[in-house]
PDB file of all heavy atoms in Angstrom:
ATOM      1  N   THR A   1    -140.247  52.235  54.073  1.00  0.00           N
ATOM      2  CA  THR A   1    -139.018  52.191  53.293  1.00  0.00           C
ATOM      3  C   THR A   1    -137.795  51.896  54.160  1.00  0.00           C
ATOM      4  O   THR A   1    -136.698  51.736  53.647  1.00  0.00           O
ATOM      5  CB  THR A   1    -138.807  53.531  52.572  1.00  0.00           C
ATOM      6  OG1 THR A   1    -138.843  54.596  53.537  1.00  0.00           O
ATOM      7  CG2 THR A   1    -139.906  53.771  51.540  1.00  0.00           C
ATOM      8  N   GLU A   2    -138.011  51.822  55.457  1.00  0.00           N
ATOM      9  CA  GLU A   2    -136.945  51.457  56.388  1.00  0.00           C
ATOM     10  C   GLU A   2    -137.570  50.584  57.473  1.00  0.00           C
ATOM     11  O   GLU A   2    -138.533  50.989  58.125  1.00  0.00           O
ATOM     12  CB  GLU A   2    -136.285  52.695  56.995  1.00  0.00           C
ATOM     13  CG  GLU A   2    -135.104  52.389  57.895  1.00  0.00           C
ATOM     14  CD  GLU A   2    -134.385  53.651  58.369  1.00  0.00           C
ATOM     15  OE1 GLU A   2    -134.757  54.756  57.910  1.00  0.00           O
ATOM     16  OE2 GLU A   2    -133.471  53.529  59.207  1.00  0.00           O
ATOM     17  N   PHE A   3    -137.032  49.389  57.641  1.00  0.00           N
ATOM     18  CA  PHE A   3    -137.687  48.442  58.540  1.00  0.00           C
ATOM     19  C   PHE A   3    -136.682  47.435  59.085  1.00  0.00           C
ATOM     20  O   PHE A   3    -135.525  47.345  58.619  1.00  0.00           O
ATOM     21  CB  PHE A   3    -138.828  47.719  57.824  1.00  0.00           C
ATOM     22  CG  PHE A   3    -138.428  47.047  56.530  1.00  0.00           C
ATOM     23  CD1 PHE A   3    -137.914  45.757  56.523  1.00  0.00           C
ATOM     24  CD2 PHE A   3    -138.574  47.702  55.312  1.00  0.00           C
ATOM     25  CE1 PHE A   3    -137.547  45.132  55.347  1.00  0.00           C
ATOM     26  CE2 PHE A   3    -138.207  47.080  54.122  1.00  0.00           C
ATOM     27  CZ  PHE A   3    -137.694  45.793  54.137  1.00  0.00           C
ATOM     28  N   LEU A   4    -137.146  46.677  60.087  1.00  0.00           N
ATOM     29  CA  LEU A   4    -136.378  45.561  60.632  1.00  0.00           C
ATOM     30  C   LEU A   4    -136.939  44.269  60.056  1.00  0.00           C
ATOM     31  O   LEU A   4    -138.155  44.086  60.003  1.00  0.00           O
ATOM     32  CB  LEU A   4    -136.469  45.526  62.156  1.00  0.00           C
ATOM     33  CG  LEU A   4    -135.982  46.774  62.905  1.00  0.00           C
ATOM     34  CD1 LEU A   4    -136.147  46.591  64.407  1.00  0.00           C
ATOM     35  CD2 LEU A   4    -134.527  47.104  62.560  1.00  0.00           C
ATOM     36  N   LEU A   5    -136.063  43.403  59.619  1.00  0.00           N
ATOM     37  CA  LEU A   5    -136.466  42.083  59.162  1.00  0.00           C
ATOM     38  C   LEU A   5    -136.181  41.087  60.282  1.00  0.00           C
ATOM     39  O   LEU A   5    -135.055  41.013  60.787  1.00  0.00           O
ATOM     40  CB  LEU A   5    -135.699  41.684  57.899  1.00  0.00           C
ATOM     41  CG  LEU A   5    -136.188  40.415  57.201  1.00  0.00           C
ATOM     42  CD1 LEU A   5    -137.552  40.655  56.569  1.00  0.00           C
ATOM     43  CD2 LEU A   5    -135.183  39.944  56.146  1.00  0.00           C
ATOM     44  N   VAL A   6    -137.209  40.336  60.688  1.00  0.00           N
ATOM     45  CA  VAL A   6    -137.104  39.411  61.820  1.00  0.00           C
ATOM     46  C   VAL A   6    -137.578  38.023  61.390  1.00  0.00           C
ATOM     47  O   VAL A   6    -138.320  37.897  60.413  1.00  0.00           O
ATOM     48  CB  VAL A   6    -137.934  39.914  63.024  1.00  0.00           C
ATOM     49  CG1 VAL A   6    -137.343  41.214  63.579  1.00  0.00           C
ATOM     50  CG2 VAL A   6    -139.389  40.143  62.632  1.00  0.00           C
ATOM     51  N   PRO A   7    -137.182  36.970  62.124  1.00  0.00           N
ATOM     52  CA  PRO A   7    -137.494  35.609  61.675  1.00  0.00           C
ATOM     53  C   PRO A   7    -138.894  35.117  61.975  1.00  0.00           C
ATOM     54  O   PRO A   7    -139.311  34.102  61.416  1.00  0.00           O
ATOM     55  CB  PRO A   7    -136.454  34.754  62.410  1.00  0.00           C
ATOM     56  CG  PRO A   7    -136.106  35.547  63.624  1.00  0.00           C
ATOM     57  CD  PRO A   7    -136.216  36.985  63.230  1.00  0.00           C
ATOM     58  N   TYR A   8    -139.639  35.795  62.863  1.00  0.00           N
ATOM     59  CA  TYR A   8    -140.987  35.319  63.178  1.00  0.00           C
ATOM     60  C   TYR A   8    -141.927  36.504  63.381  1.00  0.00           C
ATOM     61  O   TYR A   8    -141.513  37.620  63.714  1.00  0.00           O
ATOM     62  CB  TYR A   8    -140.988  34.404  64.407  1.00  0.00           C
ATOM     63  CG  TYR A   8    -140.227  34.942  65.598  1.00  0.00           C
ATOM     64  CD1 TYR A   8    -140.824  35.802  66.510  1.00  0.00           C
ATOM     65  CD2 TYR A   8    -138.902  34.579  65.802  1.00  0.00           C
ATOM     66  CE1 TYR A   8    -140.123  36.299  67.599  1.00  0.00           C
ATOM     67  CE2 TYR A   8    -138.193  35.064  66.888  1.00  0.00           C
ATOM     68  CZ  TYR A   8    -138.812  35.920  67.784  1.00  0.00           C
ATOM     69  OH  TYR A   8    -138.103  36.414  68.865  1.00  0.00           O
ATOM     70  N   PHE A   9    -143.201  36.226  63.162  1.00  0.00           N
ATOM     71  CA  PHE A   9    -144.215  37.275  63.217  1.00  0.00           C
ATOM     72  C   PHE A   9    -144.407  37.790  64.650  1.00  0.00           C
ATOM     73  O   PHE A   9    -144.398  37.018  65.601  1.00  0.00           O
ATOM     74  CB  PHE A   9    -145.550  36.737  62.690  1.00  0.00           C
ATOM     75  CG  PHE A   9    -146.650  37.761  62.691  1.00  0.00           C
ATOM     76  CD1 PHE A   9    -146.703  38.730  61.704  1.00  0.00           C
ATOM     77  CD2 PHE A   9    -147.620  37.763  63.681  1.00  0.00           C
ATOM     78  CE1 PHE A   9    -147.712  39.679  61.686  1.00  0.00           C
ATOM     79  CE2 PHE A   9    -148.638  38.702  63.681  1.00  0.00           C
ATOM     80  CZ  PHE A   9    -148.678  39.665  62.687  1.00  0.00           C
ATOM     81  N   GLY A  10    -144.568  39.107  64.783  1.00  0.00           N
ATOM     82  CA  GLY A  10    -144.845  39.721  66.073  1.00  0.00           C
ATOM     83  C   GLY A  10    -143.627  40.165  66.836  1.00  0.00           C
ATOM     84  O   GLY A  10    -143.759  40.847  67.862  1.00  0.00           O
ATOM     85  N   ALA A  11    -142.416  39.802  66.373  1.00  0.00           N
ATOM     86  CA  ALA A  11    -141.203  40.216  67.057  1.00  0.00           C
ATOM     87  C   ALA A  11    -141.110  41.734  67.094  1.00  0.00           C
ATOM     88  O   ALA A  11    -141.422  42.409  66.111  1.00  0.00           O
ATOM     89  CB  ALA A  11    -139.974  39.623  66.371  1.00  0.00           C
ATOM     90  N   CYS A  12    -140.700  42.267  68.246  1.00  0.00           N
ATOM     91  CA  CYS A  12    -140.537  43.707  68.484  1.00  0.00           C
ATOM     92  C   CYS A  12    -141.863  44.428  68.687  1.00  0.00           C
ATOM     93  O   CYS A  12    -141.878  45.582  69.111  1.00  0.00           O
ATOM     94  CB  CYS A  12    -139.776  44.401  67.360  1.00  0.00           C
ATOM     95  SG  CYS A  12    -138.177  43.667  66.972  1.00  0.00           S
ATOM     96  N   ILE A  13    -142.989  43.770  68.379  1.00  0.00           N
ATOM     97  CA  ILE A  13    -144.299  44.401  68.527  1.00  0.00           C
ATOM     98  C   ILE A  13    -145.122  43.698  69.600  1.00  0.00           C
ATOM     99  O   ILE A  13    -145.539  44.304  70.588  1.00  0.00           O
ATOM    100  CB  ILE A  13    -145.066  44.386  67.187  1.00  0.00           C
ATOM    101  CG1 ILE A  13    -144.247  45.096  66.105  1.00  0.00           C
ATOM    102  CG2 ILE A  13    -146.427  45.044  67.351  1.00  0.00           C
ATOM    103  CD1 ILE A  13    -143.999  46.560  66.370  1.00  0.00           C
ATOM    104  N   HIS A  14    -145.364  42.408  69.401  1.00  0.00           N
ATOM    105  CA  HIS A  14    -146.182  41.641  70.343  1.00  0.00           C
ATOM    106  C   HIS A  14    -145.339  40.838  71.330  1.00  0.00           C
ATOM    107  O   HIS A  14    -145.798  40.504  72.417  1.00  0.00           O
ATOM    108  CB  HIS A  14    -147.132  40.711  69.583  1.00  0.00           C
ATOM    109  CG  HIS A  14    -148.026  41.431  68.625  1.00  0.00           C
ATOM    110  ND1 HIS A  14    -148.895  42.427  69.030  1.00  0.00           N
ATOM    111  CD2 HIS A  14    -148.180  41.315  67.288  1.00  0.00           C
ATOM    112  CE1 HIS A  14    -149.554  42.882  67.974  1.00  0.00           C
ATOM    113  NE2 HIS A  14    -149.135  42.227  66.913  1.00  0.00           N
ATOM    114  N   VAL A  15    -144.131  40.487  70.923  1.00  0.00           N
ATOM    115  CA  VAL A  15    -143.199  39.774  71.805  1.00  0.00           C
ATOM    116  C   VAL A  15    -141.867  40.516  71.759  1.00  0.00           C
ATOM    117  O   VAL A  15    -141.600  41.272  70.817  1.00  0.00           O
ATOM    118  CB  VAL A  15    -143.027  38.301  71.374  1.00  0.00           C
ATOM    119  CG1 VAL A  15    -144.344  37.542  71.522  1.00  0.00           C
ATOM    120  CG2 VAL A  15    -142.509  38.205  69.951  1.00  0.00           C
ATOM    121  N   PRO A  16    -140.988  40.327  72.757  1.00  0.00           N
ATOM    122  CA  PRO A  16    -139.713  41.050  72.791  1.00  0.00           C
ATOM    123  C   PRO A  16    -138.863  40.805  71.542  1.00  0.00           C
ATOM    124  O   PRO A  16    -139.006  39.777  70.871  1.00  0.00           O
ATOM    125  CB  PRO A  16    -139.036  40.499  74.051  1.00  0.00           C
ATOM    126  CG  PRO A  16    -140.156  40.029  74.912  1.00  0.00           C
ATOM    127  CD  PRO A  16    -141.184  39.496  73.966  1.00  0.00           C
ATOM    128  N   PRO A  17    -137.964  41.726  71.236  1.00  0.00           N
ATOM    129  CA  PRO A  17    -137.093  41.557  70.064  1.00  0.00           C
ATOM    130  C   PRO A  17    -136.184  40.350  70.226  1.00  0.00           C
ATOM    131  O   PRO A  17    -135.739  40.027  71.329  1.00  0.00           O
ATOM    132  CB  PRO A  17    -136.277  42.858  70.034  1.00  0.00           C
ATOM    133  CG  PRO A  17    -137.039  43.821  70.869  1.00  0.00           C
ATOM    134  CD  PRO A  17    -137.741  43.017  71.913  1.00  0.00           C
ATOM    135  N   PRO A  18    -135.881  39.667  69.135  1.00  0.00           N
ATOM    136  CA  PRO A  18    -134.907  38.569  69.188  1.00  0.00           C
ATOM    137  C   PRO A  18    -133.494  39.128  69.366  1.00  0.00           C
ATOM    138  O   PRO A  18    -133.301  40.354  69.333  1.00  0.00           O
ATOM    139  CB  PRO A  18    -135.081  37.886  67.831  1.00  0.00           C
ATOM    140  CG  PRO A  18    -135.599  38.965  66.936  1.00  0.00           C
ATOM    141  CD  PRO A  18    -136.443  39.848  67.796  1.00  0.00           C
ATOM    142  N   PRO A  19    -132.502  38.278  69.557  1.00  0.00           N
ATOM    143  CA  PRO A  19    -131.113  38.765  69.635  1.00  0.00           C
ATOM    144  C   PRO A  19    -130.738  39.575  68.398  1.00  0.00           C
ATOM    145  O   PRO A  19    -131.302  39.397  67.323  1.00  0.00           O
ATOM    146  CB  PRO A  19    -130.295  37.465  69.743  1.00  0.00           C
ATOM    147  CG  PRO A  19    -131.245  36.467  70.334  1.00  0.00           C
ATOM    148  CD  PRO A  19    -132.595  36.820  69.774  1.00  0.00           C
ATOM    149  N   SER A  20    -129.762  40.448  68.561  1.00  0.00           N
ATOM    150  CA  SER A  20    -129.401  41.355  67.466  1.00  0.00           C
ATOM    151  C   SER A  20    -128.895  40.623  66.231  1.00  0.00           C
ATOM    152  O   SER A  20    -129.013  41.141  65.111  1.00  0.00           O
ATOM    153  CB  SER A  20    -128.348  42.357  67.947  1.00  0.00           C
ATOM    154  OG  SER A  20    -127.196  41.678  68.436  1.00  0.00           O
ATOM    155  N   ASN A  21    -128.336  39.426  66.390  1.00  0.00           N
ATOM    156  CA  ASN A  21    -127.882  38.677  65.212  1.00  0.00           C
ATOM    157  C   ASN A  21    -129.028  37.970  64.493  1.00  0.00           C
ATOM    158  O   ASN A  21    -128.805  37.246  63.528  1.00  0.00           O
ATOM    159  CB  ASN A  21    -126.784  37.676  65.577  1.00  0.00           C
ATOM    160  CG  ASN A  21    -127.232  36.664  66.625  1.00  0.00           C
ATOM    161  OD1 ASN A  21    -128.420  36.549  66.942  1.00  0.00           O
ATOM    162  ND2 ASN A  21    -126.272  35.939  67.173  1.00  0.00           N
ATOM    163  N   GLN A  22    -130.252  38.207  64.967  1.00  0.00           N
ATOM    164  CA  GLN A  22    -131.450  37.695  64.311  1.00  0.00           C
ATOM    165  C   GLN A  22    -132.333  38.843  63.822  1.00  0.00           C
ATOM    166  O   GLN A  22    -133.535  38.676  63.612  1.00  0.00           O
ATOM    167  CB  GLN A  22    -132.240  36.790  65.258  1.00  0.00           C
ATOM    168  CG  GLN A  22    -131.500  35.540  65.675  1.00  0.00           C
ATOM    169  CD  GLN A  22    -131.337  34.558  64.521  1.00  0.00           C
ATOM    170  OE1 GLN A  22    -132.242  33.803  64.201  1.00  0.00           O
ATOM    171  NE2 GLN A  22    -130.163  34.577  63.876  1.00  0.00           N
ATOM    172  N   ILE A  23    -131.712  40.003  63.614  1.00  0.00           N
ATOM    173  CA  ILE A  23    -132.413  41.190  63.113  1.00  0.00           C
ATOM    174  C   ILE A  23    -131.557  41.842  62.032  1.00  0.00           C
ATOM    175  O   ILE A  23    -130.345  42.023  62.204  1.00  0.00           O
ATOM    176  CB  ILE A  23    -132.693  42.206  64.230  1.00  0.00           C
ATOM    177  CG1 ILE A  23    -133.544  41.578  65.342  1.00  0.00           C
ATOM    178  CG2 ILE A  23    -133.394  43.437  63.669  1.00  0.00           C
ATOM    179  CD1 ILE A  23    -133.825  42.514  66.495  1.00  0.00           C
ATOM    180  N   VAL A  24    -132.199  42.201  60.919  1.00  0.00           N
ATOM    181  CA  VAL A  24    -131.525  42.911  59.838  1.00  0.00           C
ATOM    182  C   VAL A  24    -132.210  44.248  59.635  1.00  0.00           C
ATOM    183  O   VAL A  24    -133.434  44.307  59.447  1.00  0.00           O
ATOM    184  CB  VAL A  24    -131.553  42.101  58.518  1.00  0.00           C
ATOM    185  CG1 VAL A  24    -130.783  42.853  57.430  1.00  0.00           C
ATOM    186  CG2 VAL A  24    -130.969  40.714  58.728  1.00  0.00           C
ATOM    187  N   HIS A  25    -131.436  45.312  59.680  1.00  0.00           N
ATOM    188  CA  HIS A  25    -131.946  46.663  59.430  1.00  0.00           C
ATOM    189  C   HIS A  25    -131.916  46.894  57.922  1.00  0.00           C
ATOM    190  O   HIS A  25    -130.847  46.927  57.314  1.00  0.00           O
ATOM    191  CB  HIS A  25    -131.076  47.682  60.154  1.00  0.00           C
ATOM    192  CG  HIS A  25    -131.627  49.066  60.124  1.00  0.00           C
ATOM    193  ND1 HIS A  25    -131.231  50.053  60.994  1.00  0.00           N
ATOM    194  CD2 HIS A  25    -132.562  49.663  59.327  1.00  0.00           C
ATOM    195  CE1 HIS A  25    -131.882  51.175  60.744  1.00  0.00           C
ATOM    196  NE2 HIS A  25    -132.688  50.952  59.721  1.00  0.00           N
ATOM    197  N   VAL A  26    -133.101  47.045  57.315  1.00  0.00           N
ATOM    198  CA  VAL A  26    -133.212  47.107  55.858  1.00  0.00           C
ATOM    199  C   VAL A  26    -133.697  48.489  55.424  1.00  0.00           C
ATOM    200  O   VAL A  26    -134.588  49.069  56.043  1.00  0.00           O
ATOM    201  CB  VAL A  26    -134.186  46.030  55.328  1.00  0.00           C
ATOM    202  CG1 VAL A  26    -134.259  46.072  53.803  1.00  0.00           C
ATOM    203  CG2 VAL A  26    -133.749  44.645  55.802  1.00  0.00           C
ATOM    204  N   LYS A  27    -133.111  48.980  54.318  1.00  0.00           N
ATOM    205  CA  LYS A  27    -133.576  50.208  53.679  1.00  0.00           C
ATOM    206  C   LYS A  27    -133.942  49.885  52.236  1.00  0.00           C
ATOM    207  O   LYS A  27    -133.261  49.110  51.568  1.00  0.00           O
ATOM    208  CB  LYS A  27    -132.503  51.292  53.724  1.00  0.00           C
ATOM    209  CG  LYS A  27    -132.181  51.779  55.139  1.00  0.00           C
ATOM    210  CD  LYS A  27    -131.141  52.878  55.123  1.00  0.00           C
ATOM    211  CE  LYS A  27    -130.823  53.354  56.536  1.00  0.00           C
ATOM    212  NZ  LYS A  27    -129.789  54.422  56.545  1.00  0.00           N
ATOM    213  N   SER A  28    -135.041  50.504  51.762  1.00  0.00           N
ATOM    214  CA  SER A  28    -135.533  50.230  50.418  1.00  0.00           C
ATOM    215  C   SER A  28    -136.096  51.502  49.811  1.00  0.00           C
ATOM    216  O   SER A  28    -136.759  52.281  50.491  1.00  0.00           O
ATOM    217  CB  SER A  28    -136.611  49.140  50.461  1.00  0.00           C
ATOM    218  OG  SER A  28    -137.286  49.036  49.223  1.00  0.00           O
ATOM    219  N   GLU A  29    -135.824  51.720  48.528  1.00  0.00           N
ATOM    220  CA  GLU A  29    -136.364  52.900  47.853  1.00  0.00           C
ATOM    221  C   GLU A  29    -137.862  52.745  47.585  1.00  0.00           C
ATOM    222  O   GLU A  29    -138.623  53.698  47.703  1.00  0.00           O
ATOM    223  CB  GLU A  29    -135.614  53.141  46.543  1.00  0.00           C
ATOM    224  CG  GLU A  29    -134.144  53.527  46.727  1.00  0.00           C
ATOM    225  CD  GLU A  29    -133.478  53.830  45.408  1.00  0.00           C
ATOM    226  OE1 GLU A  29    -134.169  53.727  44.365  1.00  0.00           O
ATOM    227  OE2 GLU A  29    -132.287  54.172  45.410  1.00  0.00           O
TER     228      GLU A  29
END
């Protein structure tokens, strides 16, 4: 219900995070 939206698969997990202007912090009920 709370996650980061990134432009490509594996970002922050398998490869380093993209720049902060390429990440959206999302909350959802």
